[in-house]
Amino acid sequence: MKRVELLARLKTAQQHDLIRGRDITTLTAFMNNTALEEHVEHFEQIIEDHRKKAQGGSFSTASHAN
């Protein structure tokens, strides 16, 4: 993946409420693309885990309607 695409994904992640206010981009100037991709994926995983946890109790119980 191109560096510019990784940085765009990181910028999107930084705008999430969980990460907002934290500086997760400055160190990227010193990272190679592999390290940058791992960095981006780390924060995307944090967001995804939070989303799954938040939805944990909100699944429909339609299968129990019978």
N, C-alpha and C. Protein backbone atom coordinates (compact mmCIF):
# COMPACT_ATOMS: atom_id res chain seq x y z
N MET A 1 0.85 -1.17 0.00
CA MET A 1 0.00 0.00 0.00
C MET A 1 0.90 1.24 0.00
N LYS A 2 0.46 2.25 -0.69
CA LYS A 2 1.24 3.48 -0.77
C LYS A 2 1.21 4.23 0.55
N ARG A 3 2.30 4.92 0.83
CA ARG A 3 2.43 5.67 2.07
C ARG A 3 1.31 6.69 2.24
N VAL A 4 0.96 7.36 1.18
CA VAL A 4 -0.08 8.38 1.26
C VAL A 4 -1.42 7.75 1.67
N GLU A 5 -1.68 6.53 1.20
CA GLU A 5 -2.92 5.83 1.57
C GLU A 5 -2.89 5.44 3.05
N LEU A 6 -1.73 4.99 3.52
CA LEU A 6 -1.59 4.64 4.94
C LEU A 6 -1.80 5.86 5.82
N LEU A 7 -1.22 6.98 5.42
CA LEU A 7 -1.37 8.21 6.20
C LEU A 7 -2.83 8.68 6.21
N ALA A 8 -3.53 8.49 5.11
CA ALA A 8 -4.95 8.85 5.07
C ALA A 8 -5.75 7.97 6.02
N ARG A 9 -5.44 6.68 6.07
CA ARG A 9 -6.12 5.77 7.00
C ARG A 9 -5.82 6.16 8.45
N LEU A 10 -4.57 6.56 8.70
CA LEU A 10 -4.19 6.96 10.05
C LEU A 10 -4.92 8.25 10.45
N LYS A 11 -5.03 9.17 9.52
CA LYS A 11 -5.75 10.42 9.80
C LYS A 11 -7.21 10.13 10.13
N THR A 12 -7.81 9.20 9.42
CA THR A 12 -9.19 8.80 9.69
C THR A 12 -9.30 8.20 11.09
N ALA A 13 -8.35 7.35 11.44
CA ALA A 13 -8.36 6.73 12.76
C ALA A 13 -8.20 7.78 13.85
N GLN A 14 -7.36 8.77 13.62
CA GLN A 14 -7.11 9.79 14.64
C GLN A 14 -8.35 10.63 14.90
N GLN A 15 -9.25 10.68 13.97
CA GLN A 15 -10.48 11.46 14.16
C GLN A 15 -11.53 10.73 14.99
N HIS A 16 -11.30 9.45 15.26
CA HIS A 16 -12.25 8.67 16.06
C HIS A 16 -12.20 9.15 17.51
N ASP A 17 -13.33 9.11 18.19
CA ASP A 17 -13.42 9.58 19.57
C ASP A 17 -12.42 8.91 20.51
N LEU A 18 -12.13 7.64 20.28
CA LEU A 18 -11.19 6.93 21.15
C LEU A 18 -9.77 7.48 21.06
N ILE A 19 -9.43 8.02 19.93
CA ILE A 19 -8.05 8.43 19.68
C ILE A 19 -7.89 9.94 19.60
N ARG A 20 -8.97 10.63 19.37
CA ARG A 20 -8.92 12.09 19.22
C ARG A 20 -8.17 12.71 20.39
N GLY A 21 -7.30 13.64 20.10
CA GLY A 21 -6.52 14.30 21.13
C GLY A 21 -5.16 13.66 21.36
N ARG A 22 -4.97 12.46 20.82
CA ARG A 22 -3.67 11.80 20.91
C ARG A 22 -2.89 12.04 19.63
N ASP A 23 -1.61 12.23 19.76
CA ASP A 23 -0.77 12.41 18.58
C ASP A 23 -0.25 11.06 18.12
N ILE A 24 -0.88 10.52 17.09
CA ILE A 24 -0.45 9.22 16.57
C ILE A 24 0.22 9.36 15.21
N THR A 25 0.48 10.60 14.80
CA THR A 25 1.03 10.80 13.46
C THR A 25 2.49 11.27 13.44
N THR A 26 2.95 11.95 14.47
CA THR A 26 4.29 12.52 14.44
C THR A 26 5.37 11.48 14.21
N LEU A 27 5.28 10.35 14.89
CA LEU A 27 6.30 9.31 14.76
C LEU A 27 6.36 8.70 13.37
N THR A 28 5.30 8.86 12.60
CA THR A 28 5.26 8.24 11.29
C THR A 28 6.34 8.77 10.35
N ALA A 29 6.85 9.95 10.64
CA ALA A 29 7.93 10.50 9.81
C ALA A 29 9.19 9.64 9.89
N PHE A 30 9.32 8.89 10.96
CA PHE A 30 10.51 8.06 11.17
C PHE A 30 10.27 6.59 10.86
N MET A 31 9.07 6.24 10.42
CA MET A 31 8.72 4.84 10.16
C MET A 31 8.85 4.50 8.68
N ASN A 32 9.31 3.28 8.43
CA ASN A 32 9.26 2.81 7.05
C ASN A 32 7.82 2.37 6.78
N ASN A 33 7.52 2.00 5.56
CA ASN A 33 6.13 1.67 5.22
C ASN A 33 5.59 0.46 5.97
N THR A 34 6.45 -0.50 6.24
CA THR A 34 6.00 -1.68 6.97
C THR A 34 5.60 -1.31 8.40
N ALA A 35 6.44 -0.54 9.06
CA ALA A 35 6.14 -0.10 10.42
C ALA A 35 4.91 0.80 10.43
N LEU A 36 4.79 1.65 9.43
CA LEU A 36 3.63 2.54 9.34
C LEU A 36 2.35 1.72 9.16
N GLU A 37 2.39 0.71 8.34
CA GLU A 37 1.21 -0.13 8.14
C GLU A 37 0.81 -0.82 9.44
N GLU A 38 1.78 -1.32 10.18
CA GLU A 38 1.49 -1.96 11.47
C GLU A 38 0.90 -0.95 12.46
N HIS A 39 1.42 0.27 12.44
CA HIS A 39 0.94 1.34 13.31
C HIS A 39 -0.53 1.66 12.99
N VAL A 40 -0.82 1.80 11.71
CA VAL A 40 -2.19 2.09 11.27
C VAL A 40 -3.12 0.95 11.68
N GLU A 41 -2.70 -0.27 11.41
CA GLU A 41 -3.54 -1.43 11.72
C GLU A 41 -3.79 -1.55 13.22
N HIS A 42 -2.82 -1.18 14.03
CA HIS A 42 -2.99 -1.21 15.48
C HIS A 42 -4.15 -0.32 15.91
N PHE A 43 -4.17 0.90 15.43
CA PHE A 43 -5.23 1.83 15.83
C PHE A 43 -6.57 1.47 15.19
N GLU A 44 -6.55 0.96 13.97
CA GLU A 44 -7.79 0.50 13.36
C GLU A 44 -8.37 -0.68 14.15
N GLN A 45 -7.50 -1.54 14.68
CA GLN A 45 -7.96 -2.67 15.48
C GLN A 45 -8.58 -2.20 16.79
N ILE A 46 -7.98 -1.20 17.41
CA ILE A 46 -8.54 -0.62 18.64
C ILE A 46 -9.96 -0.11 18.37
N ILE A 47 -10.13 0.58 17.27
CA ILE A 47 -11.44 1.12 16.92
C ILE A 47 -12.43 -0.01 16.64
N GLU A 48 -11.99 -1.01 15.89
CA GLU A 48 -12.87 -2.14 15.57
C GLU A 48 -13.27 -2.91 16.82
N ASP A 49 -12.32 -3.15 17.71
CA ASP A 49 -12.63 -3.85 18.96
C ASP A 49 -13.65 -3.07 19.79
N HIS A 50 -13.49 -1.76 19.83
CA HIS A 50 -14.42 -0.91 20.57
C HIS A 50 -15.81 -0.98 19.94
N ARG A 51 -15.86 -0.94 18.62
CA ARG A 51 -17.14 -1.01 17.91
C ARG A 51 -17.85 -2.33 18.21
N LYS A 52 -17.10 -3.43 18.16
CA LYS A 52 -17.69 -4.74 18.44
C LYS A 52 -18.18 -4.83 19.88
N LYS A 53 -17.39 -4.28 20.79
CA LYS A 53 -17.78 -4.31 22.20
C LYS A 53 -19.05 -3.49 22.42
N ALA A 54 -19.13 -2.33 21.76
CA ALA A 54 -20.29 -1.47 21.91
C ALA A 54 -21.55 -2.12 21.33
N GLN A 55 -21.39 -2.93 20.31
CA GLN A 55 -22.53 -3.60 19.68
C GLN A 55 -22.86 -4.92 20.36
N GLY A 56 -22.04 -5.35 21.28
CA GLY A 56 -22.20 -6.65 21.92
C GLY A 56 -23.58 -6.93 22.45
N GLY A 57 -24.23 -5.97 23.06
CA GLY A 57 -25.55 -6.21 23.63
C GLY A 57 -26.68 -5.75 22.76
N SER A 58 -26.37 -5.30 21.55
CA SER A 58 -27.42 -4.71 20.73
C SER A 58 -27.89 -5.61 19.61
N PHE A 59 -27.48 -6.88 19.60
CA PHE A 59 -27.93 -7.77 18.54
C PHE A 59 -29.40 -8.12 18.74
N SER A 60 -30.07 -8.27 17.66
CA SER A 60 -31.49 -8.61 17.69
C SER A 60 -31.69 -10.03 18.23
N THR A 61 -32.78 -10.20 18.94
CA THR A 61 -33.11 -11.53 19.47
C THR A 61 -34.23 -12.14 18.63
N ALA A 62 -34.30 -11.79 17.37
CA ALA A 62 -35.36 -12.27 16.48
C ALA A 62 -35.41 -13.78 16.40
N SER A 63 -34.28 -14.46 16.55
CA SER A 63 -34.26 -15.91 16.46
C SER A 63 -34.98 -16.53 17.65
N HIS A 64 -35.20 -15.78 18.71
CA HIS A 64 -35.89 -16.28 19.88
C HIS A 64 -37.40 -15.99 19.84
N ALA A 65 -37.83 -15.35 18.75
CA ALA A 65 -39.23 -14.94 18.65
C ALA A 65 -40.17 -16.12 18.42
N ASN A 66 -39.66 -17.24 17.93
CA ASN A 66 -40.51 -18.40 17.63
C ASN A 66 -40.96 -19.11 18.84
